[in-house]
C-alpha atoms as a PDB file:
ATOM      1  CA  MET A   1     -28.920  -8.141  -7.072  1.00  0.00           C
ATOM      2  CA  ARG A   2     -30.627  -5.091  -5.563  1.00  0.00           C
ATOM      3  CA  CYS A   3     -29.135  -2.968  -2.801  1.00  0.00           C
ATOM      4  CA  VAL A   4     -31.622  -2.018  -0.074  1.00  0.00           C
ATOM      5  CA  PRO A   5     -29.875   0.714   1.936  1.00  0.00           C
ATOM      6  CA  ARG A   6     -30.513   1.279   5.636  1.00  0.00           C
ATOM      7  CA  ILE A   7     -27.993   3.892   6.682  1.00  0.00           C
ATOM      8  CA  THR A   8     -26.804   4.910  10.134  1.00  0.00           C
ATOM      9  CA  ALA A   9     -24.506   7.903   9.819  1.00  0.00           C
ATOM     10  CA  PHE A  10     -23.573  11.282  11.117  1.00  0.00           C
ATOM     11  CA  PRO A  11     -25.277  14.508   9.971  1.00  0.00           C
ATOM     12  CA  TRP A  12     -22.382  15.353   7.693  1.00  0.00           C
ATOM     13  CA  LEU A  13     -22.410  11.982   5.863  1.00  0.00           C
ATOM     14  CA  PHE A  14     -23.723  13.228   2.566  1.00  0.00           C
ATOM     15  CA  ALA A  15     -21.342  16.175   2.601  1.00  0.00           C
ATOM     16  CA  LEU A  16     -18.548  13.707   3.165  1.00  0.00           C
ATOM     17  CA  LEU A  17     -19.571  11.542   0.261  1.00  0.00           C
ATOM     18  CA  ALA A  18     -19.855  14.659  -1.884  1.00  0.00           C
ATOM     19  CA  GLY A  19     -16.210  15.403  -1.195  1.00  0.00           C
ATOM     20  CA  ALA A  20     -16.412  17.946   1.629  1.00  0.00           C
ATOM     21  CA  GLY A  21     -13.123  16.769   3.117  1.00  0.00           C
ATOM     22  CA  SER A  22     -12.932  19.602   5.658  1.00  0.00           C
ATOM     23  CA  LEU A  23     -15.809  18.016   7.593  1.00  0.00           C
ATOM     24  CA  ALA A  24     -14.532  14.463   7.397  1.00  0.00           C
ATOM     25  CA  GLN A  25     -12.635  13.789  10.604  1.00  0.00           C
ATOM     26  CA  GLU A  26     -14.166  10.467  11.634  1.00  0.00           C
ATOM     27  CA  SER A  27     -14.953   7.168  10.017  1.00  0.00           C
ATOM     28  CA  VAL A  28     -18.499   6.633   8.781  1.00  0.00           C
ATOM     29  CA  LEU A  29     -20.590   3.573   9.598  1.00  0.00           C
ATOM     30  CA  LEU A  30     -23.277   2.494   7.141  1.00  0.00           C
ATOM     31  CA  GLN A  31     -25.859  -0.236   7.694  1.00  0.00           C
ATOM     32  CA  GLN A  32     -27.147  -1.755   4.473  1.00  0.00           C
ATOM     33  CA  GLY A  33     -28.877  -4.732   2.955  1.00  0.00           C
ATOM     34  CA  VAL A  34     -28.651  -6.608  -0.325  1.00  0.00           C
ATOM     35  CA  ALA A  35     -31.394  -8.646  -1.990  1.00  0.00           C
ATOM     36  CA  THR A  36     -30.075 -12.061  -2.996  1.00  0.00           C
ATOM     37  CA  GLU A  37     -31.371 -15.528  -3.714  1.00  0.00           C
ATOM     38  CA  LEU A  38     -28.359 -17.222  -2.114  1.00  0.00           C
ATOM     39  CA  VAL A  39     -29.427 -16.736   1.525  1.00  0.00           C
ATOM     40  CA  PRO A  40     -32.798 -16.303   3.245  1.00  0.00           C
ATOM     41  CA  GLY A  41     -34.327 -12.856   3.291  1.00  0.00           C
ATOM     42  CA  GLU A  42     -32.340  -9.670   3.012  1.00  0.00           C
ATOM     43  CA  ALA A  43     -28.591 -10.108   3.432  1.00  0.00           C
ATOM     44  CA  ARG A  44     -27.533  -7.349   5.812  1.00  0.00           C
ATOM     45  CA  PHE A  45     -24.069  -5.929   6.303  1.00  0.00           C
ATOM     46  CA  ASP A  46     -22.280  -3.063   8.030  1.00  0.00           C
ATOM     47  CA  LEU A  47     -19.769  -0.999   6.116  1.00  0.00           C
ATOM     48  CA  LEU A  48     -17.111   1.327   7.525  1.00  0.00           C
ATOM     49  CA  LEU A  49     -15.594   4.111   5.455  1.00  0.00           C
ATOM     50  CA  PRO A  50     -12.257   5.518   6.657  1.00  0.00           C
ATOM     51  CA  PRO A  51     -11.853   9.175   7.650  1.00  0.00           C
ATOM     52  CA  GLU A  52     -11.842  11.496   4.674  1.00  0.00           C
ATOM     53  CA  TYR A  53     -13.012   8.754   2.331  1.00  0.00           C
ATOM     54  CA  ALA A  54     -12.691  10.210  -1.159  1.00  0.00           C
ATOM     55  CA  PRO A  55     -14.507   8.463  -4.038  1.00  0.00           C
ATOM     56  CA  GLU A  56     -12.384  10.457  -6.493  1.00  0.00           C
ATOM     57  CA  ARG A  57      -9.061   9.267  -5.016  1.00  0.00           C
ATOM     58  CA  GLU A  58      -6.697   7.973  -7.684  1.00  0.00           C
ATOM     59  CA  VAL A  59      -5.829   4.747  -5.855  1.00  0.00           C
ATOM     60  CA  PRO A  60      -8.765   2.579  -4.717  1.00  0.00           C
ATOM     61  CA  TYR A  61      -9.013   1.709  -1.036  1.00  0.00           C
ATOM     62  CA  PRO A  62      -8.166  -1.812   0.118  1.00  0.00           C
ATOM     63  CA  LEU A  63     -11.231  -3.824   1.124  1.00  0.00           C
ATOM     64  CA  LEU A  64     -11.395  -5.845   4.351  1.00  0.00           C
ATOM     65  CA  LEU A  65     -14.081  -8.511   4.704  1.00  0.00           C
ATOM     66  CA  TRP A  66     -14.543  -8.826   8.480  1.00  0.00           C
ATOM     67  CA  LEU A  67     -16.344 -11.866   9.915  1.00  0.00           C
ATOM     68  CA  HIS A  68     -18.120 -11.490  13.247  1.00  0.00           C
ATOM     69  CA  GLY A  69     -18.064 -13.826  16.233  1.00  0.00           C
ATOM     70  CA  GLY A  70     -20.817 -16.117  17.454  1.00  0.00           C
ATOM     71  CA  SER A  71     -23.220 -13.418  18.683  1.00  0.00           C
ATOM     72  CA  GLY A  72     -24.835 -12.963  15.260  1.00  0.00           C
ATOM     73  CA  GLY A  73     -22.891  -9.875  14.245  1.00  0.00           C
ATOM     74  CA  GLU A  74     -25.137  -7.056  15.447  1.00  0.00           C
ATOM     75  CA  ASN A  75     -23.014  -3.994  16.254  1.00  0.00           C
ATOM     76  CA  GLN A  76     -19.784  -6.018  16.323  1.00  0.00           C
ATOM     77  CA  LEU A  77     -18.078  -3.815  13.747  1.00  0.00           C
ATOM     78  CA  GLU A  78     -19.062  -0.732  15.720  1.00  0.00           C
ATOM     79  CA  ARG A  79     -18.104  -2.061  19.168  1.00  0.00           C
ATOM     80  CA  ARG A  80     -15.192  -4.418  18.576  1.00  0.00           C
ATOM     81  CA  LEU A  81     -13.311  -3.446  15.431  1.00  0.00           C
ATOM     82  CA  ARG A  82     -13.972   0.232  14.809  1.00  0.00           C
ATOM     83  CA  PRO A  83     -12.223   1.688  17.910  1.00  0.00           C
ATOM     84  CA  PRO A  84      -8.934  -0.238  17.509  1.00  0.00           C
ATOM     85  CA  LEU A  85      -8.983   0.317  13.750  1.00  0.00           C
ATOM     86  CA  GLU A  86      -9.393   4.061  14.177  1.00  0.00           C
ATOM     87  CA  HIS A  87      -6.505   3.973  16.669  1.00  0.00           C
ATOM     88  CA  ALA A  88      -4.389   2.066  14.126  1.00  0.00           C
ATOM     89  CA  TRP A  89      -5.255   4.614  11.431  1.00  0.00           C
ATOM     90  CA  ALA A  90      -4.206   7.443  13.731  1.00  0.00           C
ATOM     91  CA  LYS A  91      -0.875   5.720  14.466  1.00  0.00           C
ATOM     92  CA  GLY A  92      -0.238   4.866  10.832  1.00  0.00           C
ATOM     93  CA  THR A  93      -0.196   1.129  11.528  1.00  0.00           C
ATOM     94  CA  ILE A  94      -2.439   0.481   8.542  1.00  0.00           C
ATOM     95  CA  GLU A  95      -3.515   2.669   5.654  1.00  0.00           C
ATOM     96  CA  PRO A  96      -7.169   3.645   5.204  1.00  0.00           C
ATOM     97  CA  VAL A  97      -9.292   0.621   4.265  1.00  0.00           C
ATOM     98  CA  VAL A  98     -12.995   0.073   3.671  1.00  0.00           C
ATOM     99  CA  VAL A  99     -14.473  -2.624   5.924  1.00  0.00           C
ATOM    100  CA  VAL A 100     -17.522  -4.722   5.061  1.00  0.00           C
ATOM    101  CA  ALA A 101     -18.944  -6.855   7.867  1.00  0.00           C
ATOM    102  CA  PRO A 102     -21.813  -9.194   6.870  1.00  0.00           C
ATOM    103  CA  LEU A 103     -24.387 -10.108   9.522  1.00  0.00           C
ATOM    104  CA  THR A 104     -24.961 -13.834   9.098  1.00  0.00           C
ATOM    105  CA  GLY A 105     -26.037 -15.202  12.484  1.00  0.00           C
ATOM    106  CA  ASN A 106     -24.690 -18.696  13.155  1.00  0.00           C
ATOM    107  CA  SER A 107     -24.115 -19.383   9.480  1.00  0.00           C
ATOM    108  CA  TYR A 108     -20.859 -21.263  10.204  1.00  0.00           C
ATOM    109  CA  TRP A 109     -19.608 -19.281   7.182  1.00  0.00           C
ATOM    110  CA  ILE A 110     -20.366 -22.143   4.788  1.00  0.00           C
ATOM    111  CA  ASP A 111     -22.861 -23.120   2.106  1.00  0.00           C
ATOM    112  CA  TRP A 112     -25.310 -25.342   3.987  1.00  0.00           C
ATOM    113  CA  LYS A 113     -25.785 -28.727   2.427  1.00  0.00           C
ATOM    114  CA  GLY A 114     -29.152 -28.786   0.672  1.00  0.00           C
ATOM    115  CA  GLY A 115     -29.068 -25.165  -0.493  1.00  0.00           C
ATOM    116  CA  GLY A 116     -30.902 -22.059   0.620  1.00  0.00           C
ATOM    117  CA  ASN A 117     -28.099 -20.842   2.905  1.00  0.00           C
ATOM    118  CA  ASP A 118     -25.164 -20.388   0.555  1.00  0.00           C
ATOM    119  CA  TRP A 119     -23.179 -18.043   2.764  1.00  0.00           C
ATOM    120  CA  GLU A 120     -19.687 -18.756   1.469  1.00  0.00           C
ATOM    121  CA  THR A 121     -20.789 -18.301  -2.135  1.00  0.00           C
ATOM    122  CA  PHE A 122     -22.687 -15.115  -1.292  1.00  0.00           C
ATOM    123  CA  LEU A 123     -19.736 -13.532   0.478  1.00  0.00           C
ATOM    124  CA  ILE A 124     -17.071 -14.192  -2.137  1.00  0.00           C
ATOM    125  CA  THR A 125     -19.259 -13.474  -5.157  1.00  0.00           C
ATOM    126  CA  GLU A 126     -22.275 -11.210  -4.728  1.00  0.00           C
ATOM    127  CA  LEU A 127     -21.245  -9.276  -1.618  1.00  0.00           C
ATOM    128  CA  LEU A 128     -17.708  -8.533  -2.824  1.00  0.00           C
ATOM    129  CA  ALA A 129     -19.058  -7.608  -6.256  1.00  0.00           C
ATOM    130  CA  HIS A 130     -21.675  -5.290  -4.749  1.00  0.00           C
ATOM    131  CA  VAL A 131     -19.201  -3.409  -2.535  1.00  0.00           C
ATOM    132  CA  ARG A 132     -16.708  -3.164  -5.387  1.00  0.00           C
ATOM    133  CA  GLY A 133     -19.405  -1.674  -7.597  1.00  0.00           C
ATOM    134  CA  ALA A 134     -20.752   0.786  -5.037  1.00  0.00           C
ATOM    135  CA  TYR A 135     -17.549   2.044  -3.419  1.00  0.00           C
ATOM    136  CA  HIS A 136     -14.057   3.082  -4.509  1.00  0.00           C
ATOM    137  CA  VAL A 137     -12.301  -0.115  -3.415  1.00  0.00           C
ATOM    138  CA  ALA A 138      -9.849  -2.588  -4.893  1.00  0.00           C
ATOM    139  CA  GLN A 139     -11.266  -4.685  -7.691  1.00  0.00           C
ATOM    140  CA  ASP A 140      -8.680  -7.437  -7.430  1.00  0.00           C
ATOM    141  CA  ARG A 141      -7.123  -9.879  -5.031  1.00  0.00           C
ATOM    142  CA  ALA A 142      -4.117  -7.670  -4.273  1.00  0.00           C
ATOM    143  CA  GLY A 143      -6.245  -5.207  -2.327  1.00  0.00           C
ATOM    144  CA  THR A 144      -8.701  -7.635  -0.731  1.00  0.00           C
ATOM    145  CA  LEU A 145      -8.322  -8.912   2.856  1.00  0.00           C
ATOM    146  CA  ILE A 146     -10.333 -11.203   5.125  1.00  0.00           C
ATOM    147  CA  GLY A 147     -10.240 -11.554   8.894  1.00  0.00           C
ATOM    148  CA  GLY A 148     -12.236 -12.405  11.973  1.00  0.00           C
ATOM    149  CA  ALA A 149     -12.078 -13.491  15.601  1.00  0.00           C
ATOM    150  CA  SER A 150     -13.556 -16.506  17.406  1.00  0.00           C
ATOM    151  CA  ALA A 151     -16.347 -17.813  15.177  1.00  0.00           C
ATOM    152  CA  GLY A 152     -15.137 -15.226  12.668  1.00  0.00           C
ATOM    153  CA  GLY A 153     -11.627 -16.651  12.922  1.00  0.00           C
ATOM    154  CA  GLN A 154     -13.064 -20.052  12.178  1.00  0.00           C
ATOM    155  CA  GLY A 155     -14.938 -18.585   9.238  1.00  0.00           C
ATOM    156  CA  THR A 156     -11.806 -16.860   7.972  1.00  0.00           C
ATOM    157  CA  LEU A 157     -10.015 -20.199   7.799  1.00  0.00           C
ATOM    158  CA  ARG A 158     -12.990 -21.966   6.206  1.00  0.00           C
ATOM    159  CA  ILE A 159     -13.322 -19.347   3.469  1.00  0.00           C
ATOM    160  CA  ALA A 160      -9.704 -18.284   2.892  1.00  0.00           C
ATOM    161  CA  LEU A 161      -8.276 -21.813   2.832  1.00  0.00           C
ATOM    162  CA  ARG A 162     -10.942 -22.869   0.310  1.00  0.00           C
ATOM    163  CA  ASN A 163     -10.549 -19.698  -1.790  1.00  0.00           C
ATOM    164  CA  PRO A 164      -6.896 -18.663  -1.398  1.00  0.00           C
ATOM    165  CA  GLU A 165      -6.781 -16.903  -4.765  1.00  0.00           C
ATOM    166  CA  THR A 166      -9.513 -14.456  -3.691  1.00  0.00           C
ATOM    167  CA  PHE A 167      -7.573 -12.695  -0.916  1.00  0.00           C
ATOM    168  CA  ALA A 168      -4.140 -11.168  -0.524  1.00  0.00           C
ATOM    169  CA  ALA A 169      -4.139 -11.956   3.185  1.00  0.00           C
ATOM    170  CA  ALA A 170      -6.236 -13.655   5.843  1.00  0.00           C
ATOM    171  CA  ALA A 171      -6.049 -13.259   9.635  1.00  0.00           C
ATOM    172  CA  ALA A 172      -7.735 -15.843  11.883  1.00  0.00           C
ATOM    173  CA  LEU A 173      -7.770 -14.732  15.513  1.00  0.00           C
ATOM    174  CA  GLU A 174      -8.708 -17.303  18.197  1.00  0.00           C
ATOM    175  CA  PRO A 175     -10.447 -19.565  15.633  1.00  0.00           C
ATOM    176  CA  GLY A 176     -13.135 -21.632  17.363  1.00  0.00           C
ATOM    177  CA  PHE A 177     -13.506 -24.914  15.489  1.00  0.00           C
ATOM    178  CA  PRO A 178     -13.296 -28.387  17.085  1.00  0.00           C
ATOM    179  CA  PRO A 179      -9.617 -29.428  17.242  1.00  0.00           C
ATOM    180  CA  VAL A 180     -10.122 -32.880  15.757  1.00  0.00           C
ATOM    181  CA  MET A 181      -8.979 -34.465  12.528  1.00  0.00           C
ATOM    182  CA  ALA A 182     -12.042 -36.604  11.774  1.00  0.00           C
ATOM    183  CA  PHE A 183     -15.751 -36.188  12.354  1.00  0.00           C
ATOM    184  CA  ALA A 184     -15.773 -39.547  14.144  1.00  0.00           C
ATOM    185  CA  ASP A 185     -13.531 -37.988  16.812  1.00  0.00           C
ATOM    186  CA  LEU A 186     -16.006 -35.208  17.546  1.00  0.00           C
ATOM    187  CA  ASP A 187     -18.024 -35.916  20.687  1.00  0.00           C
ATOM    188  CA  VAL A 188     -21.046 -33.620  20.762  1.00  0.00           C
ATOM    189  CA  THR A 189     -22.684 -35.088  23.872  1.00  0.00           C
ATOM    190  CA  PRO A 190     -21.283 -32.445  26.281  1.00  0.00           C
ATOM    191  CA  TYR A 191     -23.206 -29.784  24.351  1.00  0.00           C
ATOM    192  CA  GLY A 192     -26.629 -31.413  24.615  1.00  0.00           C
ATOM    193  CA  PRO A 193     -29.014 -32.770  21.971  1.00  0.00           C
ATOM    194  CA  GLY A 194     -29.145 -29.456  20.115  1.00  0.00           C
ATOM    195  CA  ALA A 195     -25.503 -29.718  19.061  1.00  0.00           C
ATOM    196  CA  LEU A 196     -26.066 -32.555  16.622  1.00  0.00           C
ATOM    197  CA  ARG A 197     -29.142 -30.831  15.186  1.00  0.00           C
ATOM    198  CA  PHE A 198     -27.004 -27.699  14.733  1.00  0.00           C
ATOM    199  CA  LEU A 199     -24.508 -29.667  12.638  1.00  0.00           C
ATOM    200  CA  GLU A 200     -27.182 -31.558  10.713  1.00  0.00           C
ATOM    201  CA  ARG A 201     -28.815 -28.328   9.551  1.00  0.00           C
ATOM    202  CA  ARG A 202     -25.493 -27.254   8.058  1.00  0.00           C
ATOM    203  CA  PHE A 203     -23.801 -30.464   6.943  1.00  0.00           C
ATOM    204  CA  GLY A 204     -26.750 -32.713   6.113  1.00  0.00           C
ATOM    205  CA  ASN A 205     -29.034 -35.033   8.059  1.00  0.00           C
ATOM    206  CA  PRO A 206     -27.332 -37.307   8.846  1.00  0.00           C
ATOM    207  CA  VAL A 207     -24.088 -35.336   8.668  1.00  0.00           C
ATOM    208  CA  ASP A 208     -22.342 -35.845   5.340  1.00  0.00           C
ATOM    209  CA  VAL A 209     -18.824 -36.582   6.575  1.00  0.00           C
ATOM    210  CA  ALA A 210     -17.178 -35.748   3.252  1.00  0.00           C
ATOM    211  CA  TYR A 211     -19.034 -32.423   3.114  1.00  0.00           C
ATOM    212  CA  TRP A 212     -17.947 -31.635   6.678  1.00  0.00           C
ATOM    213  CA  GLN A 213     -14.337 -32.595   5.928  1.00  0.00           C
ATOM    214  CA  ALA A 214     -14.215 -30.297   2.900  1.00  0.00           C
ATOM    215  CA  ARG A 215     -15.093 -27.355   5.203  1.00  0.00           C
ATOM    216  CA  HIS A 216     -13.112 -28.256   8.330  1.00  0.00           C
ATOM    217  CA  PRO A 217      -9.926 -26.126   8.545  1.00  0.00           C
ATOM    218  CA  PRO A 218      -7.443 -28.905   9.444  1.00  0.00           C
ATOM    219  CA  THR A 219      -8.608 -31.198   6.662  1.00  0.00           C
ATOM    220  CA  ILE A 220      -8.789 -28.315   4.176  1.00  0.00           C
ATOM    221  CA  VAL A 221      -5.058 -27.831   4.788  1.00  0.00           C
ATOM    222  CA  ILE A 222      -4.317 -31.522   4.280  1.00  0.00           C
ATOM    223  CA  ASP A 223      -6.482 -31.914   1.187  1.00  0.00           C
ATOM    224  CA  ASN A 224      -5.339 -28.672  -0.499  1.00  0.00           C
ATOM    225  CA  ALA A 225      -1.725 -28.324   0.602  1.00  0.00           C
ATOM    226  CA  ALA A 226      -0.210 -27.876  -2.862  1.00  0.00           C
ATOM    227  CA  ARG A 227      -2.785 -25.284  -3.884  1.00  0.00           C
ATOM    228  CA  LEU A 228      -2.245 -23.337  -0.654  1.00  0.00           C
ATOM    229  CA  ARG A 229       1.533 -23.412  -1.044  1.00  0.00           C
ATOM    230  CA  GLU A 230       1.310 -22.079  -4.578  1.00  0.00           C
ATOM    231  CA  SER A 231      -1.392 -19.480  -3.947  1.00  0.00           C
ATOM    232  CA  GLY A 232       0.774 -16.909  -2.187  1.00  0.00           C
ATOM    233  CA  LEU A 233      -1.956 -16.252   0.389  1.00  0.00           C
ATOM    234  CA  GLN A 234      -0.533 -14.372   3.389  1.00  0.00           C
ATOM    235  CA  LEU A 235      -1.938 -16.107   6.462  1.00  0.00           C
ATOM    236  CA  LEU A 236      -1.953 -15.192  10.164  1.00  0.00           C
ATOM    237  CA  VAL A 237      -3.221 -17.608  12.841  1.00  0.00           C
ATOM    238  CA  GLU A 238      -3.173 -16.691  16.522  1.00  0.00           C
ATOM    239  CA  ALA A 239      -4.732 -17.455  19.899  1.00  0.00           C
ATOM    240  CA  GLY A 240      -4.198 -16.709  23.566  1.00  0.00           C
ATOM    241  CA  ASP A 241      -2.779 -19.450  25.765  1.00  0.00           C
ATOM    242  CA  GLU A 242      -5.305 -18.644  28.537  1.00  0.00           C
ATOM    243  CA  ASP A 243      -8.367 -18.696  26.277  1.00  0.00           C
ATOM    244  CA  ALA A 244     -11.238 -20.264  28.243  1.00  0.00           C
ATOM    245  CA  ASN A 245     -12.718 -21.465  24.935  1.00  0.00           C
ATOM    246  CA  LEU A 246      -9.497 -23.433  24.316  1.00  0.00           C
ATOM    247  CA  THR A 247      -9.097 -21.983  20.839  1.00  0.00           C
ATOM    248  CA  PHE A 248      -5.325 -22.315  21.281  1.00  0.00           C
ATOM    249  CA  LEU A 249      -5.813 -26.037  20.628  1.00  0.00           C
ATOM    250  CA  SER A 250      -7.419 -25.299  17.267  1.00  0.00           C
ATOM    251  CA  ALA A 251      -4.847 -22.660  16.331  1.00  0.00           C
ATOM    252  CA  GLU A 252      -1.944 -24.923  17.304  1.00  0.00           C
ATOM    253  CA  LEU A 253      -3.358 -27.822  15.291  1.00  0.00           C
ATOM    254  CA  VAL A 254      -3.700 -25.718  12.141  1.00  0.00           C
ATOM    255  CA  HIS A 255      -0.252 -24.211  12.666  1.00  0.00           C
ATOM    256  CA  ARG A 256       1.386 -27.644  12.921  1.00  0.00           C
ATOM    257  CA  LEU A 257      -0.374 -28.862   9.797  1.00  0.00           C
ATOM    258  CA  LEU A 258       0.549 -25.711   7.857  1.00  0.00           C
ATOM    259  CA  PHE A 259       4.171 -25.978   8.965  1.00  0.00           C
ATOM    260  CA  ASP A 260       4.420 -29.652   8.113  1.00  0.00           C
ATOM    261  CA  ALA A 261       2.981 -28.952   4.661  1.00  0.00           C
ATOM    262  CA  ALA A 262       5.509 -26.097   4.135  1.00  0.00           C
ATOM    263  CA  ILE A 263       2.694 -23.571   3.754  1.00  0.00           C
ATOM    264  CA  GLU A 264       4.082 -20.177   4.700  1.00  0.00           C
ATOM    265  CA  HIS A 265       2.193 -18.446   7.484  1.00  0.00           C
ATOM    266  CA  GLU A 266       2.565 -16.362  10.627  1.00  0.00           C
ATOM    267  CA  TYR A 267       1.588 -17.903  13.968  1.00  0.00           C
ATOM    268  CA  HIS A 268       1.311 -16.483  17.492  1.00  0.00           C
ATOM    269  CA  LEU A 269       0.470 -18.231  20.733  1.00  0.00           C
ATOM    270  CA  VAL A 270       0.043 -15.123  22.844  1.00  0.00           C
ATOM    271  CA  ARG A 271       1.298 -15.570  26.393  1.00  0.00           C
ATOM    272  CA  GLY A 272      -1.224 -14.606  29.084  1.00  0.00           C
ATOM    273  CA  ALA A 273      -3.917 -13.711  26.558  1.00  0.00           C
ATOM    274  CA  ALA A 274      -7.563 -14.733  26.982  1.00  0.00           C
ATOM    275  CA  HIS A 275     -10.528 -14.896  24.604  1.00  0.00           C
ATOM    276  CA  THR A 276     -11.580 -11.384  25.618  1.00  0.00           C
ATOM    277  CA  GLY A 277     -10.148  -8.595  27.717  1.00  0.00           C
ATOM    278  CA  ARG A 278      -7.041  -6.448  27.718  1.00  0.00           C
ATOM    279  CA  SER A 279      -4.973  -8.530  25.285  1.00  0.00           C
ATOM    280  CA  VAL A 280      -7.395  -8.060  22.389  1.00  0.00           C
ATOM    281  CA  PRO A 281      -6.474  -4.462  21.368  1.00  0.00           C
ATOM    282  CA  ARG A 282      -2.763  -5.227  21.034  1.00  0.00           C
ATOM    283  CA  ARG A 283      -3.518  -8.417  19.103  1.00  0.00           C
ATOM    284  CA  LEU A 284      -5.749  -6.475  16.710  1.00  0.00           C
ATOM    285  CA  GLU A 285      -2.913  -3.952  16.338  1.00  0.00           C
ATOM    286  CA  ASN A 286      -0.653  -6.826  15.296  1.00  0.00           C
ATOM    287  CA  MET A 287      -3.286  -7.981  12.801  1.00  0.00           C
ATOM    288  CA  PHE A 288      -3.489  -4.509  11.238  1.00  0.00           C
ATOM    289  CA  ALA A 289       0.306  -4.405  10.906  1.00  0.00           C
ATOM    290  CA  PHE A 290       0.212  -7.861   9.282  1.00  0.00           C
ATOM    291  CA  PHE A 291      -2.387  -6.659   6.786  1.00  0.00           C
ATOM    292  CA  GLN A 292      -0.311  -3.577   5.982  1.00  0.00           C
ATOM    293  CA  ARG A 293       2.745  -5.717   5.217  1.00  0.00           C
ATOM    294  CA  ALA A 294       0.589  -7.830   2.895  1.00  0.00           C
ATOM    295  CA  LEU A 295      -0.771  -4.742   1.131  1.00  0.00           C
ATOM    296  CA  ARG A 296       2.622  -3.022   0.829  1.00  0.00           C
ATOM    297  CA  PRO A 297       5.408  -5.633   0.980  1.00  0.00           C
ATOM    298  CA  GLU A 298       8.540  -4.269   2.559  1.00  0.00           C
ATOM    299  CA  GLY A 299      10.846  -5.789  -0.063  1.00  0.00           C
ATOM    300  CA  PRO A 300      14.249  -7.394   0.521  1.00  0.00           C
ATOM    301  CA  ASP A 301      16.038  -6.783   3.797  1.00  0.00           C
ATOM    302  CA  PRO A 302      19.750  -6.289   2.987  1.00  0.00           C
ATOM    303  CA  ALA A 303      20.923  -7.587   6.363  1.00  0.00           C
ATOM    304  CA  ALA A 304      18.757 -10.674   6.090  1.00  0.00           C
ATOM    305  CA  GLU A 305      19.891 -11.245   2.503  1.00  0.00           C
ATOM    306  CA  ARG A 306      23.536 -11.183   3.581  1.00  0.00           C
ATOM    307  CA  HIS A 307      22.847 -13.581   6.430  1.00  0.00           C
ATOM    308  CA  LEU A 308      21.034 -15.996   4.082  1.00  0.00           C
ATOM    309  CA  ALA A 309      23.827 -15.866   1.527  1.00  0.00           C
ATOM    310  CA  ASN A 310      26.370 -16.722   4.196  1.00  0.00           C
ATOM    311  CA  ALA A 311      24.220 -19.592   5.495  1.00  0.00           C
ATOM    312  CA  LYS A 312      23.976 -21.036   1.991  1.00  0.00           C
ATOM    313  CA  ARG A 313      27.712 -20.645   1.456  1.00  0.00           C
ATOM    314  CA  THR A 314      28.561 -22.515   4.652  1.00  0.00           C
ATOM    315  CA  GLY A 315      26.032 -25.243   3.958  1.00  0.00           C
ATOM    316  CA  ARG A 316      23.938 -24.777   7.098  1.00  0.00           C
ATOM    317  CA  TYR A 317      20.844 -23.638   5.162  1.00  0.00           C
ATOM    318  CA  ALA A 318      18.383 -25.901   3.405  1.00  0.00           C
ATOM    319  CA  PRO A 319      14.933 -24.748   2.291  1.00  0.00           C
ATOM    320  CA  ARG A 320      11.993 -26.216   4.163  1.00  0.00           C
ATOM    321  CA  VAL A 321      10.074 -28.853   2.224  1.00  0.00           C
ATOM    322  CA  PRO A 322       6.699 -30.497   2.873  1.00  0.00           C
ATOM    323  CA  ASN A 323       6.585 -33.123   5.593  1.00  0.00           C
ATOM    324  CA  GLN A 324      10.063 -32.465   6.917  1.00  0.00           C
ATOM    325  CA  LEU A 325       8.799 -33.065  10.440  1.00  0.00           C
ATOM    326  CA  HIS A 326       7.764 -36.526  11.529  1.00  0.00           C
ATOM    327  CA  PHE A 327       5.172 -36.511  14.258  1.00  0.00           C
ATOM    328  CA  GLU A 328       1.817 -37.972  15.084  1.00  0.00           C
ATOM    329  CA  THR A 329      -1.035 -35.516  15.287  1.00  0.00           C
ATOM    330  CA  VAL A 330      -1.900 -34.814  18.905  1.00  0.00           C
ATOM    331  CA  ASP A 331      -5.146 -36.396  20.064  1.00  0.00           C
ATOM    332  CA  PHE A 332      -6.855 -33.475  21.747  1.00  0.00           C
ATOM    333  CA  GLY A 333      -9.668 -35.696  22.974  1.00  0.00           C
ATOM    334  CA  ALA A 334     -13.363 -35.732  22.209  1.00  0.00           C
ATOM    335  CA  GLY A 335     -14.254 -32.135  21.514  1.00  0.00           C
ATOM    336  CA  ALA A 336     -11.547 -30.862  23.892  1.00  0.00           C
ATOM    337  CA  GLY A 337     -14.077 -28.526  25.454  1.00  0.00           C
ATOM    338  CA  THR A 338     -14.275 -26.287  22.396  1.00  0.00           C
ATOM    339  CA  SER A 339     -17.745 -24.956  21.725  1.00  0.00           C
ATOM    340  CA  LEU A 340     -19.424 -25.856  18.473  1.00  0.00           C
ATOM    341  CA  VAL A 341     -20.896 -22.346  18.463  1.00  0.00           C
ATOM    342  CA  PRO A 342     -18.031 -20.168  19.751  1.00  0.00           C
ATOM    343  CA  GLU A 343     -18.712 -16.788  21.295  1.00  0.00           C
END
């Protein structure tokens, strides 16, 4: 695999990379490409180095794989993640991390049936390997994170739930997948004739239902519950309850399935929050804090330990087990208004 660099940086970039820390007061954005046979053409990605990035630092930097929304990815790292991340760095919410943001268009973050667009495989093999070889970042799962919003939140669930041993933590914000349990329940007619063609290009023509099911977040949870429970993956799922894209239906469905399968996770239905707007910065701040806890676990809480011991002694505590809740999955309707290609 050959790296084809296309770099956007500040005049002091090369001094920074040479170790001139006195000049390094801002993060550095790089735009690069990698030659690969897994996806068409050059695989492009943006990469963000934290302020005062030091290749000679004793401890490697954690690596965050950030998945863009439905706009194709151009400038999303620069416009949507970089400002709140720099704010979080300044506040100490999260330690310095290196961010890699692949530009994949409407890849759906999967390997397309039929080959030639193996995006999932590319991301978790060649792209991670390339960044680990070129930059001073974690070489193992313990320092590797994945996250995204909207279509990127959907992609985070698709990739992390299928590869839980690859990441220490995954954060899916406002994940935009259809909130249905079976492909037969998905009504694509409201989206016009192009919607079915969109799915057929990715899941086979006609759509291979088993292939779709193996990459649909709710059914991934059901089909891989034991593996997910045992993996130790730290998982955050969230959405705003005023999201015009109705991603709260998708987030709630996954949350209920995770809870019923006793798969540990963090879940937020954010009151008054929309798909975009003023709620997003504080929700990203929460995501950064979640990632920091995954990177540096806080350890036992003495007060909580005493409370648990007392609950066990009095008999009011019993550990949660799979399928402790008995409910029928909510029928959200045909498509429930959720876009197949979320913004």
